[in-house]
Amino acid sequence: MKVLALNGSARKNGGTAAMVAAFAHGTREAGHEVDVLDVARMDIRGCLGCEYCHTRGGGACVQRDDMDEVYPLWDAADVIVIASPIYYDSLSGQMHCLVHRTYAGDKPKSCKAMALLLCSGAKGVYEAAKRIYRGFMQGYYGVRDLGVIEATTGEALSGEISARLEELGRSLFERVG
């Protein structure tokens, strides 16, 4: 199974990165192929709203940047995991740019399931990000929801959440098929 994990955090050693690493570890242990992209370190510009992708572009964005690396992985993935710190009650700006740019190709071509990993310095600040995920992404794409895992930075860095994320990665075949 092909898995794409998108880390929307700019902090290399932060809580979101720890969550992604634990998930990827369990996924690899189960023998799945995992691509982890550090979205915040990529040159991904925001959607221009120009509609080139749906008029003359045949589903290709007019912009040439690091989304050219994301699109083939996005379309080939059986499972997509969105991981983000919470910024102003939502996904990071870098992750929003990536999500908006997927408009060019519409729904991911091979995806069967998605999960959302969220990290914040405080509890109870995840609702807006979950609405975006369930309402637009997982819901609109019509794929199985593997769940939302929330952790404070302290929980993520102390490893409290690692076992749960590793198990999610190891259990993908049973959950997705």
C-alpha atoms as a PDB file:
ATOM      1  CA  MET A   1       0.000   0.000   0.000  1.00  0.00           C
ATOM      2  CA  LYS A   2       1.246   3.498  -0.840  1.00  0.00           C
ATOM      3  CA  VAL A   3       0.939   6.115   1.881  1.00  0.00           C
ATOM      4  CA  LEU A   4       1.531   9.847   1.633  1.00  0.00           C
ATOM      5  CA  ALA A   5       2.090  11.736   4.881  1.00  0.00           C
ATOM      6  CA  LEU A   6       2.101  15.518   4.605  1.00  0.00           C
ATOM      7  CA  ASN A   7       3.737  17.375   7.494  1.00  0.00           C
ATOM      8  CA  GLY A   8       2.554  20.983   7.559  1.00  0.00           C
ATOM      9  CA  SER A   9       4.790  22.123  10.414  1.00  0.00           C
ATOM     10  CA  ALA A  10       7.793  24.403  10.042  1.00  0.00           C
ATOM     11  CA  ARG A  11       9.328  22.962  13.227  1.00  0.00           C
ATOM     12  CA  LYS A  12      11.717  20.132  12.325  1.00  0.00           C
ATOM     13  CA  ASN A  13      11.646  18.643  15.812  1.00  0.00           C
ATOM     14  CA  GLY A  14       8.213  19.750  16.969  1.00  0.00           C
ATOM     15  CA  GLY A  15       5.158  17.823  18.026  1.00  0.00           C
ATOM     16  CA  THR A  16       3.692  17.444  14.542  1.00  0.00           C
ATOM     17  CA  ALA A  17       6.973  16.021  13.234  1.00  0.00           C
ATOM     18  CA  ALA A  18       7.039  13.542  16.138  1.00  0.00           C
ATOM     19  CA  MET A  19       3.495  12.441  15.315  1.00  0.00           C
ATOM     20  CA  VAL A  20       4.331  11.938  11.639  1.00  0.00           C
ATOM     21  CA  ALA A  21       7.506  10.010  12.517  1.00  0.00           C
ATOM     22  CA  ALA A  22       5.599   7.624  14.807  1.00  0.00           C
ATOM     23  CA  PHE A  23       2.905   7.016  12.185  1.00  0.00           C
ATOM     24  CA  ALA A  24       5.506   6.483   9.430  1.00  0.00           C
ATOM     25  CA  HIS A  25       7.463   4.082  11.646  1.00  0.00           C
ATOM     26  CA  GLY A  26       4.422   1.861  12.220  1.00  0.00           C
ATOM     27  CA  THR A  27       3.467   2.046   8.562  1.00  0.00           C
ATOM     28  CA  ARG A  28       6.919   0.958   7.411  1.00  0.00           C
ATOM     29  CA  GLU A  29       6.964  -1.842  10.005  1.00  0.00           C
ATOM     30  CA  ALA A  30       3.828  -3.198   8.346  1.00  0.00           C
ATOM     31  CA  GLY A  31       5.623  -3.213   4.979  1.00  0.00           C
ATOM     32  CA  HIS A  32       3.886  -0.278   3.372  1.00  0.00           C
ATOM     33  CA  GLU A  33       5.603   2.333   1.230  1.00  0.00           C
ATOM     34  CA  VAL A  34       5.554   5.764   2.901  1.00  0.00           C
ATOM     35  CA  ASP A  35       6.445   9.126   1.423  1.00  0.00           C
ATOM     36  CA  VAL A  36       6.742  11.924   3.994  1.00  0.00           C
ATOM     37  CA  LEU A  37       6.815  15.451   2.649  1.00  0.00           C
ATOM     38  CA  ASP A  38       7.736  18.432   4.809  1.00  0.00           C
ATOM     39  CA  VAL A  39       5.296  20.849   3.256  1.00  0.00           C
ATOM     40  CA  ALA A  40       6.626  23.882   5.158  1.00  0.00           C
ATOM     41  CA  ARG A  41      10.061  23.380   3.590  1.00  0.00           C
ATOM     42  CA  MET A  42       8.679  23.200   0.084  1.00  0.00           C
ATOM     43  CA  ASP A  43       8.081  26.049  -2.354  1.00  0.00           C
ATOM     44  CA  ILE A  44       4.315  25.788  -2.721  1.00  0.00           C
ATOM     45  CA  ARG A  45       2.555  28.969  -3.700  1.00  0.00           C
ATOM     46  CA  GLY A  46      -1.129  29.637  -3.146  1.00  0.00           C
ATOM     47  CA  CYS A  47      -3.807  28.936  -5.723  1.00  0.00           C
ATOM     48  CA  LEU A  48      -4.244  31.836  -8.152  1.00  0.00           C
ATOM     49  CA  GLY A  49      -7.890  31.061  -8.848  1.00  0.00           C
ATOM     50  CA  CYS A  50      -7.130  31.487 -12.555  1.00  0.00           C
ATOM     51  CA  GLU A  51      -8.985  28.303 -13.607  1.00  0.00           C
ATOM     52  CA  TYR A  52      -6.195  27.387 -16.052  1.00  0.00           C
ATOM     53  CA  CYS A  53      -6.262  23.846 -14.606  1.00  0.00           C
ATOM     54  CA  HIS A  54      -9.931  23.396 -15.540  1.00  0.00           C
ATOM     55  CA  THR A  55      -9.923  25.242 -18.848  1.00  0.00           C
ATOM     56  CA  ARG A  56      -6.721  24.941 -20.893  1.00  0.00           C
ATOM     57  CA  GLY A  57      -4.571  22.954 -18.445  1.00  0.00           C
ATOM     58  CA  GLY A  58      -6.349  19.591 -18.510  1.00  0.00           C
ATOM     59  CA  GLY A  59      -6.054  19.286 -14.724  1.00  0.00           C
ATOM     60  CA  ALA A  60      -2.515  20.698 -14.546  1.00  0.00           C
ATOM     61  CA  CYS A  61      -1.788  23.855 -12.585  1.00  0.00           C
ATOM     62  CA  VAL A  62      -0.225  26.754 -14.467  1.00  0.00           C
ATOM     63  CA  GLN A  63       2.284  27.293 -11.631  1.00  0.00           C
ATOM     64  CA  ARG A  64       5.590  25.407 -11.640  1.00  0.00           C
ATOM     65  CA  ASP A  65       6.798  24.875  -8.090  1.00  0.00           C
ATOM     66  CA  ASP A  66       7.166  21.979  -5.632  1.00  0.00           C
ATOM     67  CA  MET A  67       3.556  20.929  -6.146  1.00  0.00           C
ATOM     68  CA  ASP A  68       4.964  19.180  -9.215  1.00  0.00           C
ATOM     69  CA  GLU A  69       6.547  16.759  -6.715  1.00  0.00           C
ATOM     70  CA  VAL A  70       3.321  16.425  -4.708  1.00  0.00           C
ATOM     71  CA  TYR A  71       0.800  15.750  -7.494  1.00  0.00           C
ATOM     72  CA  PRO A  72       2.074  12.291  -8.564  1.00  0.00           C
ATOM     73  CA  LEU A  73       2.396  11.132  -4.930  1.00  0.00           C
ATOM     74  CA  TRP A  74      -1.050  12.551  -4.135  1.00  0.00           C
ATOM     75  CA  ASP A  75      -2.635  10.654  -7.013  1.00  0.00           C
ATOM     76  CA  ALA A  76      -0.760   7.376  -6.368  1.00  0.00           C
ATOM     77  CA  ALA A  77      -1.425   7.203  -2.616  1.00  0.00           C
ATOM     78  CA  ASP A  78      -3.896   4.671  -1.249  1.00  0.00           C
ATOM     79  CA  VAL A  79      -3.836   6.539   2.067  1.00  0.00           C
ATOM     80  CA  ILE A  80      -3.196  10.249   2.647  1.00  0.00           C
ATOM     81  CA  VAL A  81      -2.362  11.602   6.092  1.00  0.00           C
ATOM     82  CA  ILE A  82      -2.575  15.319   6.696  1.00  0.00           C
ATOM     83  CA  ALA A  83      -0.535  16.443   9.722  1.00  0.00           C
ATOM     84  CA  SER A  84      -0.539  20.012  10.916  1.00  0.00           C
ATOM     85  CA  PRO A  85       0.007  22.204  13.902  1.00  0.00           C
ATOM     86  CA  ILE A  86      -2.941  24.394  14.754  1.00  0.00           C
ATOM     87  CA  TYR A  87      -2.435  28.005  13.692  1.00  0.00           C
ATOM     88  CA  TYR A  88      -5.312  30.352  14.508  1.00  0.00           C
ATOM     89  CA  ASP A  89      -7.676  27.406  15.031  1.00  0.00           C
ATOM     90  CA  SER A  90      -6.890  25.848  11.652  1.00  0.00           C
ATOM     91  CA  LEU A  91      -4.244  24.083   9.557  1.00  0.00           C
ATOM     92  CA  SER A  92      -0.927  25.811   8.969  1.00  0.00           C
ATOM     93  CA  GLY A  93      -0.764  28.296   6.104  1.00  0.00           C
ATOM     94  CA  GLN A  94       1.675  26.045   4.267  1.00  0.00           C
ATOM     95  CA  MET A  95      -0.796  23.151   4.444  1.00  0.00           C
ATOM     96  CA  HIS A  96      -3.654  25.370   3.271  1.00  0.00           C
ATOM     97  CA  CYS A  97      -1.627  26.288   0.172  1.00  0.00           C
ATOM     98  CA  LEU A  98      -1.078  22.604  -0.636  1.00  0.00           C
ATOM     99  CA  VAL A  99      -4.733  21.699  -0.053  1.00  0.00           C
ATOM    100  CA  HIS A 100      -5.961  24.575  -2.206  1.00  0.00           C
ATOM    101  CA  ARG A 101      -3.583  23.643  -5.015  1.00  0.00           C
ATOM    102  CA  THR A 102      -4.996  20.106  -5.189  1.00  0.00           C
ATOM    103  CA  TYR A 103      -8.014  21.793  -6.787  1.00  0.00           C
ATOM    104  CA  ALA A 104      -6.175  21.479 -10.097  1.00  0.00           C
ATOM    105  CA  GLY A 105      -6.499  17.702 -10.209  1.00  0.00           C
ATOM    106  CA  ASP A 106      -9.678  17.486  -8.130  1.00  0.00           C
ATOM    107  CA  LYS A 107      -9.984  14.247  -6.116  1.00  0.00           C
ATOM    108  CA  PRO A 108      -6.899  12.094  -5.502  1.00  0.00           C
ATOM    109  CA  LYS A 109      -7.059   9.250  -8.020  1.00  0.00           C
ATOM    110  CA  SER A 110      -6.127   6.228  -5.865  1.00  0.00           C
ATOM    111  CA  CYS A 111      -6.947   7.335  -2.329  1.00  0.00           C
ATOM    112  CA  LYS A 112      -9.170   5.023  -0.305  1.00  0.00           C
ATOM    113  CA  ALA A 113      -8.701   6.541   3.157  1.00  0.00           C
ATOM    114  CA  MET A 114      -7.403   9.592   4.998  1.00  0.00           C
ATOM    115  CA  ALA A 115      -6.387  10.546   8.519  1.00  0.00           C
ATOM    116  CA  LEU A 116      -5.721  13.874  10.200  1.00  0.00           C
ATOM    117  CA  LEU A 117      -3.011  14.425  12.825  1.00  0.00           C
ATOM    118  CA  LEU A 118      -3.219  17.678  14.774  1.00  0.00           C
ATOM    119  CA  CYS A 119      -0.849  19.182  17.306  1.00  0.00           C
ATOM    120  CA  SER A 120      -1.228  22.297  19.410  1.00  0.00           C
ATOM    121  CA  GLY A 121       0.050  23.928  22.541  1.00  0.00           C
ATOM    122  CA  ALA A 122      -3.440  23.727  24.039  1.00  0.00           C
ATOM    123  CA  LYS A 123      -6.369  21.327  24.135  1.00  0.00           C
ATOM    124  CA  GLY A 124      -9.747  22.094  22.581  1.00  0.00           C
ATOM    125  CA  VAL A 125      -8.574  24.140  19.591  1.00  0.00           C
ATOM    126  CA  TYR A 126      -9.040  21.559  16.837  1.00  0.00           C
ATOM    127  CA  GLU A 127     -12.639  22.014  15.647  1.00  0.00           C
ATOM    128  CA  ALA A 128     -12.033  24.284  12.633  1.00  0.00           C
ATOM    129  CA  ALA A 129      -9.306  21.997  11.267  1.00  0.00           C
ATOM    130  CA  LYS A 130     -11.551  18.960  11.732  1.00  0.00           C
ATOM    131  CA  ARG A 131     -14.374  20.697   9.834  1.00  0.00           C
ATOM    132  CA  ILE A 132     -12.027  21.406   6.911  1.00  0.00           C
ATOM    133  CA  TYR A 133     -10.846  17.802   6.918  1.00  0.00           C
ATOM    134  CA  ARG A 134     -14.239  16.121   7.244  1.00  0.00           C
ATOM    135  CA  GLY A 135     -16.241  18.600   5.213  1.00  0.00           C
ATOM    136  CA  PHE A 136     -13.900  19.372   2.389  1.00  0.00           C
ATOM    137  CA  MET A 137     -11.155  16.826   2.180  1.00  0.00           C
ATOM    138  CA  GLN A 138     -12.152  13.386   3.432  1.00  0.00           C
ATOM    139  CA  GLY A 139     -15.850  14.105   2.983  1.00  0.00           C
ATOM    140  CA  TYR A 140     -15.621  15.617  -0.484  1.00  0.00           C
ATOM    141  CA  TYR A 141     -13.178  12.971  -1.682  1.00  0.00           C
ATOM    142  CA  GLY A 142     -15.569  10.282  -0.465  1.00  0.00           C
ATOM    143  CA  VAL A 143     -12.868   8.186   1.178  1.00  0.00           C
ATOM    144  CA  ARG A 144     -12.817   6.295   4.463  1.00  0.00           C
ATOM    145  CA  ASP A 145     -12.009   8.361   7.535  1.00  0.00           C
ATOM    146  CA  LEU A 146      -9.238   6.723   9.555  1.00  0.00           C
ATOM    147  CA  GLY A 147      -9.774   9.303  12.258  1.00  0.00           C
ATOM    148  CA  VAL A 148      -8.405  12.453  13.763  1.00  0.00           C
ATOM    149  CA  ILE A 149      -5.658  12.188  16.347  1.00  0.00           C
ATOM    150  CA  GLU A 150      -5.088  15.263  18.493  1.00  0.00           C
ATOM    151  CA  ALA A 151      -2.162  15.876  20.800  1.00  0.00           C
ATOM    152  CA  THR A 152      -0.699  18.779  22.665  1.00  0.00           C
ATOM    153  CA  THR A 153       2.927  19.449  21.871  1.00  0.00           C
ATOM    154  CA  GLY A 154       3.885  17.993  25.245  1.00  0.00           C
ATOM    155  CA  GLU A 155       1.967  14.769  24.590  1.00  0.00           C
ATOM    156  CA  ALA A 156       3.447  14.425  21.109  1.00  0.00           C
ATOM    157  CA  LEU A 157       7.023  15.064  22.218  1.00  0.00           C
ATOM    158  CA  SER A 158       6.819  12.880  25.318  1.00  0.00           C
ATOM    159  CA  GLY A 159       5.753   9.902  23.248  1.00  0.00           C
ATOM    160  CA  GLU A 160       2.345   9.520  24.893  1.00  0.00           C
ATOM    161  CA  ILE A 161       0.689   9.426  21.503  1.00  0.00           C
ATOM    162  CA  SER A 162       3.412   7.466  19.635  1.00  0.00           C
ATOM    163  CA  ALA A 163       2.036   3.994  20.353  1.00  0.00           C
ATOM    164  CA  ARG A 164      -1.401   4.980  19.048  1.00  0.00           C
ATOM    165  CA  LEU A 165       0.087   6.432  15.860  1.00  0.00           C
ATOM    166  CA  GLU A 166       2.385   3.468  15.286  1.00  0.00           C
ATOM    167  CA  GLU A 167      -0.609   1.141  15.664  1.00  0.00           C
ATOM    168  CA  LEU A 168      -2.589   3.208  13.154  1.00  0.00           C
ATOM    169  CA  GLY A 169       0.280   2.769  10.691  1.00  0.00           C
ATOM    170  CA  ARG A 170       0.582  -0.970  11.352  1.00  0.00           C
ATOM    171  CA  SER A 171      -3.178  -1.528  10.986  1.00  0.00           C
ATOM    172  CA  LEU A 172      -3.686   0.179   7.627  1.00  0.00           C
ATOM    173  CA  PHE A 173      -4.221  -3.024   5.697  1.00  0.00           C
ATOM    174  CA  GLU A 174      -7.020  -4.146   8.034  1.00  0.00           C
ATOM    175  CA  ARG A 175      -8.589  -0.681   8.041  1.00  0.00           C
ATOM    176  CA  VAL A 176      -8.284   0.080   4.338  1.00  0.00           C
ATOM    177  CA  GLY A 177      -8.110  -3.310   2.647  1.00  0.00           C
END
